[in-house]
Amino acid sequence: MKIALGLITPLLIGVFGAARAEANCARLPTAQTQPLVQGFLIRPESFLERFPGGGRELVGSVRTLVASDPDATLDPIIKALRVANAAQRRSIGLGLGAAARMCISAGDTGASRRIQEIVRRNNDSEVKAGFAASFYEASTPPPLSGAPAPAGTPSQRGSLLPPLASGSSPLRPSPLSDPFGPLR
């Protein structure tokens, strides 16, 4: 019995260790993301102190942390919402939406569903608005979890085309937005 247990234990550790490594939706090497995740887990509130006004840097940090290891980072990020200001909460929502999209593109729909479910259960309008702005784009179908899509998304408009600006014609192309302009 001891011999069988001695052979099975390394096998189980290898199987569960491999499953944990697959949770990396960021498609970055674990050697690169693991120090970021470990640093965050030591003091989760530090990212709120570094980005008091929210913004792109906080969005990117949340996206990278959650997409790198959703199992370890989601709960501490959600707990940090209790002390975050409105701009930080919106940025966290944007980062969570971006991480959920990354998980879908990486083929990990389970991680994306977990992120969506946590945002859905959270009663913070700033987080939900940020998530919706990041996750639901005109070219994206509604979420896999069955959560309702925000107003103006393709499923509610009945068309995959973006809405027309007021005063524009469907026969004349509208000008493209500046990809380097401010986020809306």
N, C-alpha and C. Protein backbone atom coordinates (compact mmCIF):
# COMPACT_ATOMS: atom_id res chain seq x y z
N MET A 1 0.81 -1.18 0.00
CA MET A 1 0.00 0.00 0.00
C MET A 1 0.86 1.26 0.00
N LYS A 2 1.96 1.26 0.77
CA LYS A 2 2.83 2.42 0.83
C LYS A 2 3.48 2.66 -0.53
N ILE A 3 3.80 1.62 -1.26
CA ILE A 3 4.42 1.77 -2.58
C ILE A 3 3.44 2.41 -3.54
N ALA A 4 2.19 1.94 -3.53
CA ALA A 4 1.18 2.51 -4.43
C ALA A 4 0.93 3.97 -4.10
N LEU A 5 0.85 4.31 -2.82
CA LEU A 5 0.64 5.69 -2.42
C LEU A 5 1.84 6.56 -2.81
N GLY A 6 3.04 5.98 -2.69
CA GLY A 6 4.25 6.70 -3.08
C GLY A 6 4.29 6.99 -4.57
N LEU A 7 3.69 6.12 -5.38
CA LEU A 7 3.66 6.34 -6.83
C LEU A 7 2.53 7.28 -7.23
N ILE A 8 1.42 7.23 -6.51
CA ILE A 8 0.26 8.04 -6.87
C ILE A 8 0.44 9.50 -6.46
N THR A 9 1.06 9.76 -5.33
CA THR A 9 1.20 11.13 -4.83
C THR A 9 1.90 12.04 -5.84
N PRO A 10 3.07 11.67 -6.38
CA PRO A 10 3.69 12.56 -7.37
C PRO A 10 2.83 12.72 -8.62
N LEU A 11 2.11 11.68 -8.98
CA LEU A 11 1.23 11.77 -10.14
C LEU A 11 0.12 12.78 -9.89
N LEU A 12 -0.50 12.74 -8.70
CA LEU A 12 -1.55 13.70 -8.36
C LEU A 12 -1.02 15.12 -8.31
N ILE A 13 0.16 15.29 -7.72
CA ILE A 13 0.75 16.63 -7.66
C ILE A 13 1.02 17.14 -9.07
N GLY A 14 1.52 16.28 -9.94
CA GLY A 14 1.78 16.68 -11.32
C GLY A 14 0.51 17.05 -12.06
N VAL A 15 -0.57 16.29 -11.86
CA VAL A 15 -1.83 16.57 -12.54
C VAL A 15 -2.42 17.88 -12.05
N PHE A 16 -2.47 18.07 -10.72
CA PHE A 16 -3.05 19.31 -10.20
C PHE A 16 -2.16 20.51 -10.48
N GLY A 17 -0.87 20.33 -10.47
CA GLY A 17 0.04 21.42 -10.82
C GLY A 17 -0.14 21.84 -12.26
N ALA A 18 -0.35 20.86 -13.17
CA ALA A 18 -0.56 21.19 -14.58
C ALA A 18 -1.88 21.91 -14.76
N ALA A 19 -2.91 21.50 -14.02
CA ALA A 19 -4.20 22.18 -14.15
C ALA A 19 -4.09 23.63 -13.68
N ARG A 20 -3.31 23.87 -12.66
CA ARG A 20 -3.12 25.24 -12.16
C ARG A 20 -2.39 26.09 -13.19
N ALA A 21 -1.41 25.53 -13.89
CA ALA A 21 -0.65 26.28 -14.89
C ALA A 21 -1.53 26.64 -16.08
N GLU A 22 -2.54 25.83 -16.38
CA GLU A 22 -3.41 26.11 -17.51
C GLU A 22 -4.36 27.27 -17.23
N ALA A 23 -4.49 27.71 -15.99
CA ALA A 23 -5.38 28.81 -15.66
C ALA A 23 -4.81 30.16 -16.10
N ASN A 24 -3.63 30.17 -16.72
CA ASN A 24 -2.99 31.39 -17.18
C ASN A 24 -3.60 31.81 -18.51
N CYS A 25 -4.57 32.70 -18.47
CA CYS A 25 -5.22 33.19 -19.69
C CYS A 25 -4.37 34.24 -20.39
N ALA A 26 -3.37 34.77 -19.70
CA ALA A 26 -2.57 35.87 -20.24
C ALA A 26 -1.60 35.40 -21.31
N ARG A 27 -1.39 34.11 -21.41
CA ARG A 27 -0.45 33.55 -22.38
C ARG A 27 0.96 34.11 -22.21
N LEU A 28 1.28 34.44 -20.99
CA LEU A 28 2.62 34.90 -20.66
C LEU A 28 3.31 33.78 -19.89
N PRO A 29 4.63 33.72 -19.96
CA PRO A 29 5.34 32.68 -19.20
C PRO A 29 5.08 32.82 -17.71
N THR A 30 4.90 31.71 -17.05
CA THR A 30 4.64 31.70 -15.61
C THR A 30 5.78 32.37 -14.86
N ALA A 31 7.00 32.21 -15.36
CA ALA A 31 8.15 32.85 -14.71
C ALA A 31 8.01 34.38 -14.72
N GLN A 32 7.31 34.90 -15.69
CA GLN A 32 7.12 36.35 -15.79
C GLN A 32 5.93 36.82 -14.93
N THR A 33 4.85 36.05 -14.88
CA THR A 33 3.65 36.49 -14.17
C THR A 33 3.65 36.11 -12.69
N GLN A 34 4.29 35.01 -12.33
CA GLN A 34 4.24 34.53 -10.96
C GLN A 34 4.79 35.54 -9.95
N PRO A 35 5.90 36.23 -10.23
CA PRO A 35 6.36 37.24 -9.26
C PRO A 35 5.35 38.38 -9.08
N LEU A 36 4.66 38.77 -10.15
CA LEU A 36 3.63 39.80 -10.05
C LEU A 36 2.49 39.34 -9.15
N VAL A 37 2.04 38.13 -9.39
CA VAL A 37 0.92 37.58 -8.61
C VAL A 37 1.33 37.43 -7.14
N GLN A 38 2.52 36.89 -6.89
CA GLN A 38 2.97 36.69 -5.51
C GLN A 38 3.12 38.03 -4.79
N GLY A 39 3.67 39.03 -5.46
CA GLY A 39 3.79 40.36 -4.87
C GLY A 39 2.44 40.95 -4.53
N PHE A 40 1.49 40.76 -5.42
CA PHE A 40 0.13 41.26 -5.17
C PHE A 40 -0.50 40.55 -3.98
N LEU A 41 -0.35 39.23 -3.90
CA LEU A 41 -0.98 38.46 -2.84
C LEU A 41 -0.41 38.78 -1.46
N ILE A 42 0.83 39.24 -1.40
CA ILE A 42 1.42 39.60 -0.11
C ILE A 42 0.71 40.81 0.48
N ARG A 43 0.37 41.78 -0.38
CA ARG A 43 -0.30 43.00 0.09
C ARG A 43 -1.26 43.49 -1.00
N PRO A 44 -2.46 42.90 -1.09
CA PRO A 44 -3.39 43.20 -2.18
C PRO A 44 -3.82 44.66 -2.28
N GLU A 45 -3.91 45.35 -1.17
CA GLU A 45 -4.38 46.74 -1.22
C GLU A 45 -3.34 47.69 -1.81
N SER A 46 -2.12 47.22 -2.01
CA SER A 46 -1.06 48.10 -2.52
C SER A 46 -1.36 48.64 -3.92
N PHE A 47 -2.09 47.89 -4.72
CA PHE A 47 -2.35 48.39 -6.07
C PHE A 47 -3.33 49.55 -6.05
N LEU A 48 -4.18 49.64 -5.02
CA LEU A 48 -5.05 50.80 -4.89
C LEU A 48 -4.25 52.03 -4.46
N GLU A 49 -3.25 51.83 -3.63
CA GLU A 49 -2.40 52.93 -3.20
C GLU A 49 -1.55 53.46 -4.35
N ARG A 50 -1.10 52.56 -5.22
CA ARG A 50 -0.27 52.97 -6.36
C ARG A 50 -1.07 53.73 -7.41
N PHE A 51 -2.35 53.45 -7.53
CA PHE A 51 -3.19 54.09 -8.55
C PHE A 51 -4.42 54.72 -7.90
N PRO A 52 -4.24 55.80 -7.14
CA PRO A 52 -5.36 56.39 -6.40
C PRO A 52 -6.45 56.95 -7.31
N GLY A 53 -6.12 57.28 -8.55
CA GLY A 53 -7.12 57.82 -9.47
C GLY A 53 -7.61 56.78 -10.47
N GLY A 54 -7.30 55.51 -10.24
CA GLY A 54 -7.70 54.47 -11.19
C GLY A 54 -6.88 54.62 -12.47
N GLY A 55 -7.54 54.55 -13.60
CA GLY A 55 -6.88 54.79 -14.87
C GLY A 55 -6.33 53.54 -15.55
N ARG A 56 -5.68 53.78 -16.66
CA ARG A 56 -5.17 52.70 -17.52
C ARG A 56 -4.20 51.77 -16.81
N GLU A 57 -3.36 52.34 -15.93
CA GLU A 57 -2.38 51.49 -15.24
C GLU A 57 -3.08 50.50 -14.32
N LEU A 58 -4.11 50.95 -13.62
CA LEU A 58 -4.86 50.04 -12.75
C LEU A 58 -5.61 49.01 -13.58
N VAL A 59 -6.21 49.43 -14.70
CA VAL A 59 -6.90 48.49 -15.59
C VAL A 59 -5.93 47.41 -16.04
N GLY A 60 -4.74 47.82 -16.48
CA GLY A 60 -3.73 46.86 -16.95
C GLY A 60 -3.25 45.93 -15.86
N SER A 61 -3.09 46.46 -14.65
CA SER A 61 -2.65 45.62 -13.53
C SER A 61 -3.69 44.56 -13.20
N VAL A 62 -4.95 44.98 -13.12
CA VAL A 62 -6.03 44.03 -12.81
C VAL A 62 -6.13 42.98 -13.90
N ARG A 63 -6.10 43.43 -15.16
CA ARG A 63 -6.18 42.50 -16.29
C ARG A 63 -5.06 41.46 -16.21
N THR A 64 -3.83 41.91 -16.00
CA THR A 64 -2.69 41.00 -15.98
C THR A 64 -2.77 40.05 -14.79
N LEU A 65 -3.10 40.57 -13.62
CA LEU A 65 -3.19 39.72 -12.43
C LEU A 65 -4.26 38.65 -12.58
N VAL A 66 -5.46 39.06 -12.98
CA VAL A 66 -6.57 38.11 -13.06
C VAL A 66 -6.36 37.13 -14.21
N ALA A 67 -5.90 37.60 -15.34
CA ALA A 67 -5.68 36.69 -16.47
C ALA A 67 -4.52 35.74 -16.19
N SER A 68 -3.56 36.15 -15.38
CA SER A 68 -2.42 35.29 -15.06
C SER A 68 -2.78 34.18 -14.09
N ASP A 69 -3.61 34.49 -13.11
CA ASP A 69 -4.00 33.48 -12.11
C ASP A 69 -5.34 33.85 -11.50
N PRO A 70 -6.44 33.58 -12.21
CA PRO A 70 -7.76 33.97 -11.70
C PRO A 70 -8.10 33.32 -10.37
N ASP A 71 -7.67 32.10 -10.16
CA ASP A 71 -8.00 31.41 -8.92
C ASP A 71 -7.43 32.12 -7.70
N ALA A 72 -6.22 32.63 -7.82
CA ALA A 72 -5.56 33.26 -6.67
C ALA A 72 -5.91 34.73 -6.50
N THR A 73 -6.19 35.44 -7.59
CA THR A 73 -6.29 36.90 -7.51
C THR A 73 -7.71 37.46 -7.48
N LEU A 74 -8.70 36.73 -7.95
CA LEU A 74 -10.06 37.29 -8.01
C LEU A 74 -10.60 37.71 -6.65
N ASP A 75 -10.52 36.84 -5.67
CA ASP A 75 -11.07 37.16 -4.34
C ASP A 75 -10.40 38.38 -3.71
N PRO A 76 -9.05 38.46 -3.70
CA PRO A 76 -8.45 39.67 -3.11
C PRO A 76 -8.82 40.95 -3.85
N ILE A 77 -8.97 40.89 -5.16
CA ILE A 77 -9.36 42.08 -5.91
C ILE A 77 -10.78 42.49 -5.54
N ILE A 78 -11.68 41.53 -5.45
CA ILE A 78 -13.07 41.85 -5.08
C ILE A 78 -13.13 42.40 -3.66
N LYS A 79 -12.33 41.86 -2.74
CA LYS A 79 -12.30 42.39 -1.37
C LYS A 79 -11.78 43.82 -1.34
N ALA A 80 -10.85 44.15 -2.24
CA ALA A 80 -10.29 45.51 -2.28
C ALA A 80 -11.33 46.53 -2.72
N LEU A 81 -12.40 46.09 -3.37
CA LEU A 81 -13.44 47.02 -3.80
C LEU A 81 -14.08 47.75 -2.63
N ARG A 82 -14.05 47.15 -1.45
CA ARG A 82 -14.67 47.76 -0.27
C ARG A 82 -14.05 49.11 0.08
N VAL A 83 -12.76 49.27 -0.21
CA VAL A 83 -12.07 50.51 0.16
C VAL A 83 -11.70 51.34 -1.07
N ALA A 84 -12.06 50.89 -2.26
CA ALA A 84 -11.71 51.61 -3.49
C ALA A 84 -12.67 52.76 -3.74
N ASN A 85 -12.15 53.83 -4.34
CA ASN A 85 -13.02 54.95 -4.72
C ASN A 85 -13.72 54.63 -6.04
N ALA A 86 -14.60 55.50 -6.50
CA ALA A 86 -15.40 55.24 -7.69
C ALA A 86 -14.53 55.03 -8.93
N ALA A 87 -13.50 55.85 -9.12
CA ALA A 87 -12.63 55.71 -10.30
C ALA A 87 -11.87 54.38 -10.25
N GLN A 88 -11.44 53.98 -9.08
CA GLN A 88 -10.74 52.70 -8.94
C GLN A 88 -11.69 51.53 -9.21
N ARG A 89 -12.92 51.63 -8.70
CA ARG A 89 -13.88 50.54 -8.91
C ARG A 89 -14.20 50.39 -10.40
N ARG A 90 -14.35 51.50 -11.10
CA ARG A 90 -14.62 51.44 -12.54
C ARG A 90 -13.42 50.83 -13.28
N SER A 91 -12.21 51.25 -12.89
CA SER A 91 -11.00 50.70 -13.51
C SER A 91 -10.86 49.21 -13.24
N ILE A 92 -11.21 48.79 -12.04
CA ILE A 92 -11.18 47.36 -11.72
C ILE A 92 -12.18 46.61 -12.60
N GLY A 93 -13.37 47.18 -12.79
CA GLY A 93 -14.35 46.56 -13.68
C GLY A 93 -13.83 46.45 -15.11
N LEU A 94 -13.17 47.50 -15.59
CA LEU A 94 -12.57 47.46 -16.93
C LEU A 94 -11.52 46.36 -17.01
N GLY A 95 -10.69 46.26 -15.98
CA GLY A 95 -9.65 45.22 -15.97
C GLY A 95 -10.23 43.82 -15.91
N LEU A 96 -11.30 43.64 -15.13
CA LEU A 96 -11.95 42.33 -15.06
C LEU A 96 -12.57 41.95 -16.40
N GLY A 97 -13.18 42.93 -17.08
CA GLY A 97 -13.75 42.67 -18.41
C GLY A 97 -12.67 42.27 -19.41
N ALA A 98 -11.54 42.97 -19.36
CA ALA A 98 -10.44 42.65 -20.26
C ALA A 98 -9.88 41.26 -19.96
N ALA A 99 -9.78 40.90 -18.68
CA ALA A 99 -9.28 39.58 -18.30
C ALA A 99 -10.25 38.48 -18.76
N ALA A 100 -11.55 38.74 -18.63
CA ALA A 100 -12.55 37.75 -19.08
C ALA A 100 -12.44 37.54 -20.58
N ARG A 101 -12.24 38.61 -21.32
CA ARG A 101 -12.07 38.49 -22.78
C ARG A 101 -10.79 37.72 -23.12
N MET A 102 -9.71 37.98 -22.36
CA MET A 102 -8.46 37.26 -22.60
C MET A 102 -8.65 35.77 -22.35
N CYS A 103 -9.39 35.43 -21.31
CA CYS A 103 -9.62 34.01 -21.00
C CYS A 103 -10.41 33.34 -22.11
N ILE A 104 -11.39 34.04 -22.66
CA ILE A 104 -12.16 33.47 -23.77
C ILE A 104 -11.24 33.24 -24.97
N SER A 105 -10.42 34.23 -25.30
CA SER A 105 -9.54 34.06 -26.46
C SER A 105 -8.48 33.01 -26.23
N ALA A 106 -8.13 32.76 -24.96
CA ALA A 106 -7.17 31.71 -24.64
C ALA A 106 -7.83 30.34 -24.55
N GLY A 107 -9.15 30.29 -24.67
CA GLY A 107 -9.87 29.02 -24.62
C GLY A 107 -10.28 28.59 -23.24
N ASP A 108 -10.12 29.43 -22.25
CA ASP A 108 -10.50 29.08 -20.88
C ASP A 108 -11.83 29.76 -20.54
N THR A 109 -12.92 29.22 -21.09
CA THR A 109 -14.23 29.82 -20.85
C THR A 109 -14.66 29.65 -19.40
N GLY A 110 -14.15 28.65 -18.72
CA GLY A 110 -14.48 28.47 -17.30
C GLY A 110 -14.00 29.64 -16.46
N ALA A 111 -12.77 30.10 -16.69
CA ALA A 111 -12.24 31.25 -15.95
C ALA A 111 -13.05 32.50 -16.31
N SER A 112 -13.39 32.66 -17.57
CA SER A 112 -14.19 33.82 -17.99
C SER A 112 -15.55 33.80 -17.31
N ARG A 113 -16.17 32.64 -17.22
CA ARG A 113 -17.47 32.54 -16.55
C ARG A 113 -17.36 32.89 -15.07
N ARG A 114 -16.27 32.45 -14.43
CA ARG A 114 -16.07 32.78 -13.01
C ARG A 114 -15.97 34.29 -12.81
N ILE A 115 -15.22 34.94 -13.69
CA ILE A 115 -15.08 36.40 -13.60
C ILE A 115 -16.44 37.06 -13.80
N GLN A 116 -17.17 36.63 -14.83
CA GLN A 116 -18.50 37.20 -15.10
C GLN A 116 -19.44 37.00 -13.92
N GLU A 117 -19.41 35.83 -13.33
CA GLU A 117 -20.30 35.53 -12.20
C GLU A 117 -19.97 36.40 -11.00
N ILE A 118 -18.70 36.60 -10.73
CA ILE A 118 -18.30 37.44 -9.60
C ILE A 118 -18.75 38.88 -9.83
N VAL A 119 -18.61 39.38 -11.05
CA VAL A 119 -19.05 40.74 -11.35
C VAL A 119 -20.57 40.82 -11.25
N ARG A 120 -21.27 39.81 -11.74
CA ARG A 120 -22.73 39.80 -11.69
C ARG A 120 -23.23 39.83 -10.25
N ARG A 121 -22.58 39.08 -9.37
CA ARG A 121 -23.00 39.03 -7.96
C ARG A 121 -22.63 40.30 -7.19
N ASN A 122 -21.66 41.03 -7.69
CA ASN A 122 -21.23 42.26 -7.02
C ASN A 122 -22.25 43.36 -7.31
N ASN A 123 -22.72 44.04 -6.31
CA ASN A 123 -23.76 45.05 -6.50
C ASN A 123 -23.20 46.45 -6.68
N ASP A 124 -22.02 46.57 -7.26
CA ASP A 124 -21.39 47.86 -7.46
C ASP A 124 -21.60 48.32 -8.90
N SER A 125 -22.31 49.42 -9.07
CA SER A 125 -22.62 49.90 -10.42
C SER A 125 -21.38 50.33 -11.18
N GLU A 126 -20.37 50.86 -10.49
CA GLU A 126 -19.14 51.28 -11.17
C GLU A 126 -18.40 50.07 -11.74
N VAL A 127 -18.31 49.00 -10.96
CA VAL A 127 -17.64 47.78 -11.43
C VAL A 127 -18.39 47.20 -12.62
N LYS A 128 -19.70 47.13 -12.51
CA LYS A 128 -20.50 46.57 -13.60
C LYS A 128 -20.41 47.42 -14.86
N ALA A 129 -20.41 48.73 -14.71
CA ALA A 129 -20.30 49.62 -15.88
C ALA A 129 -18.93 49.46 -16.54
N GLY A 130 -17.88 49.40 -15.73
CA GLY A 130 -16.54 49.20 -16.29
C GLY A 130 -16.42 47.85 -16.98
N PHE A 131 -16.95 46.81 -16.35
CA PHE A 131 -16.91 45.48 -16.94
C PHE A 131 -17.64 45.48 -18.29
N ALA A 132 -18.83 46.04 -18.31
CA ALA A 132 -19.62 46.05 -19.55
C ALA A 132 -18.90 46.82 -20.65
N ALA A 133 -18.29 47.94 -20.30
CA ALA A 133 -17.59 48.74 -21.31
C ALA A 133 -16.40 47.98 -21.89
N SER A 134 -15.76 47.16 -21.10
CA SER A 134 -14.59 46.42 -21.55
C SER A 134 -14.94 45.09 -22.20
N PHE A 135 -15.90 44.39 -21.62
CA PHE A 135 -16.21 43.04 -22.09
C PHE A 135 -17.12 43.02 -23.31
N TYR A 136 -18.17 43.82 -23.28
CA TYR A 136 -19.14 43.81 -24.36
C TYR A 136 -18.77 44.86 -25.39
N GLU A 137 -18.21 44.45 -26.48
CA GLU A 137 -17.93 45.35 -27.58
C GLU A 137 -18.87 44.98 -28.72
N ALA A 138 -19.02 45.87 -29.70
CA ALA A 138 -19.97 45.64 -30.80
C ALA A 138 -19.69 44.35 -31.55
N SER A 139 -18.44 43.90 -31.57
CA SER A 139 -18.11 42.70 -32.33
C SER A 139 -18.17 41.44 -31.49
N THR A 140 -18.59 41.55 -30.23
CA THR A 140 -18.59 40.42 -29.32
C THR A 140 -20.01 39.93 -29.06
N PRO A 141 -20.24 38.62 -29.10
CA PRO A 141 -21.56 38.10 -28.75
C PRO A 141 -21.82 38.27 -27.26
N PRO A 142 -23.07 38.10 -26.82
CA PRO A 142 -23.38 38.22 -25.39
C PRO A 142 -22.58 37.20 -24.59
N PRO A 143 -22.47 37.40 -23.26
CA PRO A 143 -21.65 36.52 -22.43
C PRO A 143 -22.15 35.09 -22.42
N LEU A 144 -21.22 34.19 -22.13
CA LEU A 144 -21.54 32.77 -22.09
C LEU A 144 -22.39 32.40 -20.89
N SER A 145 -22.34 33.20 -19.83
CA SER A 145 -22.99 32.82 -18.58
C SER A 145 -24.50 33.04 -18.60
N GLY A 146 -25.02 33.64 -19.64
CA GLY A 146 -26.45 33.88 -19.69
C GLY A 146 -26.86 35.17 -19.03
N ALA A 147 -25.87 35.95 -18.56
CA ALA A 147 -26.18 37.25 -17.95
C ALA A 147 -26.70 38.18 -19.05
N PRO A 148 -27.62 39.05 -18.72
CA PRO A 148 -28.14 39.95 -19.74
C PRO A 148 -27.07 40.88 -20.26
N ALA A 149 -27.12 41.14 -21.55
CA ALA A 149 -26.16 42.06 -22.16
C ALA A 149 -26.63 43.48 -21.90
N PRO A 150 -25.69 44.43 -21.81
CA PRO A 150 -26.09 45.81 -21.57
C PRO A 150 -26.82 46.38 -22.77
N ALA A 151 -27.62 47.42 -22.53
CA ALA A 151 -28.37 48.06 -23.61
C ALA A 151 -27.43 48.51 -24.71
N GLY A 152 -27.86 48.30 -25.93
CA GLY A 152 -27.07 48.74 -27.06
C GLY A 152 -26.12 47.69 -27.60
N THR A 153 -26.10 46.49 -27.00
CA THR A 153 -25.24 45.45 -27.53
C THR A 153 -25.96 44.74 -28.66
N PRO A 154 -25.22 43.99 -29.49
CA PRO A 154 -25.84 43.36 -30.66
C PRO A 154 -27.08 42.53 -30.35
N SER A 155 -27.10 41.82 -29.21
CA SER A 155 -28.24 40.96 -28.93
C SER A 155 -29.52 41.75 -28.70
N GLN A 156 -29.41 42.99 -28.23
CA GLN A 156 -30.60 43.78 -27.97
C GLN A 156 -30.97 44.68 -29.15
N ARG A 157 -30.04 44.94 -30.04
CA ARG A 157 -30.33 45.76 -31.20
C ARG A 157 -30.86 44.92 -32.35
N GLY A 158 -30.57 43.61 -32.33
CA GLY A 158 -30.99 42.75 -33.42
C GLY A 158 -30.07 42.85 -34.61
N SER A 159 -28.95 43.50 -34.49
CA SER A 159 -28.00 43.67 -35.59
C SER A 159 -26.59 43.59 -35.05
N LEU A 160 -25.68 43.12 -35.86
CA LEU A 160 -24.29 43.09 -35.46
C LEU A 160 -23.58 44.39 -35.80
N LEU A 161 -24.26 45.30 -36.48
CA LEU A 161 -23.66 46.57 -36.85
C LEU A 161 -23.74 47.54 -35.69
N PRO A 162 -22.71 48.38 -35.53
CA PRO A 162 -22.78 49.36 -34.45
C PRO A 162 -23.88 50.38 -34.74
N PRO A 163 -24.41 51.02 -33.70
CA PRO A 163 -25.48 52.00 -33.92
C PRO A 163 -24.97 53.20 -34.70
N LEU A 164 -25.87 53.81 -35.47
CA LEU A 164 -25.51 55.00 -36.23
C LEU A 164 -25.50 56.21 -35.32
N ALA A 165 -24.54 57.09 -35.56
CA ALA A 165 -24.51 58.34 -34.82
C ALA A 165 -25.69 59.19 -35.28
N SER A 166 -26.20 60.04 -34.40
CA SER A 166 -27.34 60.85 -34.80
C SER A 166 -26.94 61.77 -35.95
N GLY A 167 -27.81 61.84 -36.94
CA GLY A 167 -27.55 62.68 -38.10
C GLY A 167 -26.72 62.00 -39.18
N SER A 168 -26.31 60.75 -38.97
CA SER A 168 -25.51 60.08 -40.01
C SER A 168 -26.41 59.20 -40.86
N SER A 169 -25.90 58.82 -41.99
CA SER A 169 -26.66 58.01 -42.93
C SER A 169 -26.02 56.64 -43.05
N PRO A 170 -26.82 55.58 -43.19
CA PRO A 170 -26.24 54.25 -43.36
C PRO A 170 -25.57 54.09 -44.72
N LEU A 171 -25.84 55.03 -45.63
CA LEU A 171 -25.25 54.94 -46.96
C LEU A 171 -23.90 55.63 -47.05
N ARG A 172 -23.58 56.49 -46.09
CA ARG A 172 -22.28 57.16 -46.06
C ARG A 172 -21.49 56.59 -44.90
N PRO A 173 -20.23 56.19 -45.15
CA PRO A 173 -19.43 55.66 -44.04
C PRO A 173 -19.12 56.76 -43.03
N SER A 174 -19.09 56.40 -41.78
CA SER A 174 -18.75 57.36 -40.74
C SER A 174 -17.24 57.35 -40.55
N PRO A 175 -16.66 58.45 -40.09
CA PRO A 175 -15.21 58.49 -39.90
C PRO A 175 -14.81 57.53 -38.78
N LEU A 176 -13.62 56.97 -38.90
CA LEU A 176 -13.10 56.06 -37.89
C LEU A 176 -12.65 56.85 -36.68
N SER A 177 -12.80 56.25 -35.52
CA SER A 177 -12.35 56.93 -34.31
C SER A 177 -10.83 56.81 -34.21
N ASP A 178 -10.24 57.75 -33.50
CA ASP A 178 -8.79 57.79 -33.32
C ASP A 178 -8.38 56.69 -32.35
N PRO A 179 -7.58 55.68 -32.80
CA PRO A 179 -7.20 54.59 -31.89
C PRO A 179 -6.28 55.04 -30.78
N PHE A 180 -5.66 56.23 -30.91
CA PHE A 180 -4.76 56.73 -29.90
C PHE A 180 -5.42 57.83 -29.06
N GLY A 181 -6.69 58.06 -29.27
CA GLY A 181 -7.42 59.08 -28.52
C GLY A 181 -7.78 58.58 -27.14
N PRO A 182 -8.43 59.42 -26.36
CA PRO A 182 -8.81 59.02 -24.98
C PRO A 182 -9.84 57.91 -25.00
N LEU A 183 -9.83 57.12 -23.94
CA LEU A 183 -10.82 56.05 -23.77
C LEU A 183 -12.17 56.66 -23.50
N ARG A 184 -13.25 56.04 -24.02
CA ARG A 184 -14.61 56.52 -23.77
C ARG A 184 -15.36 55.51 -22.98
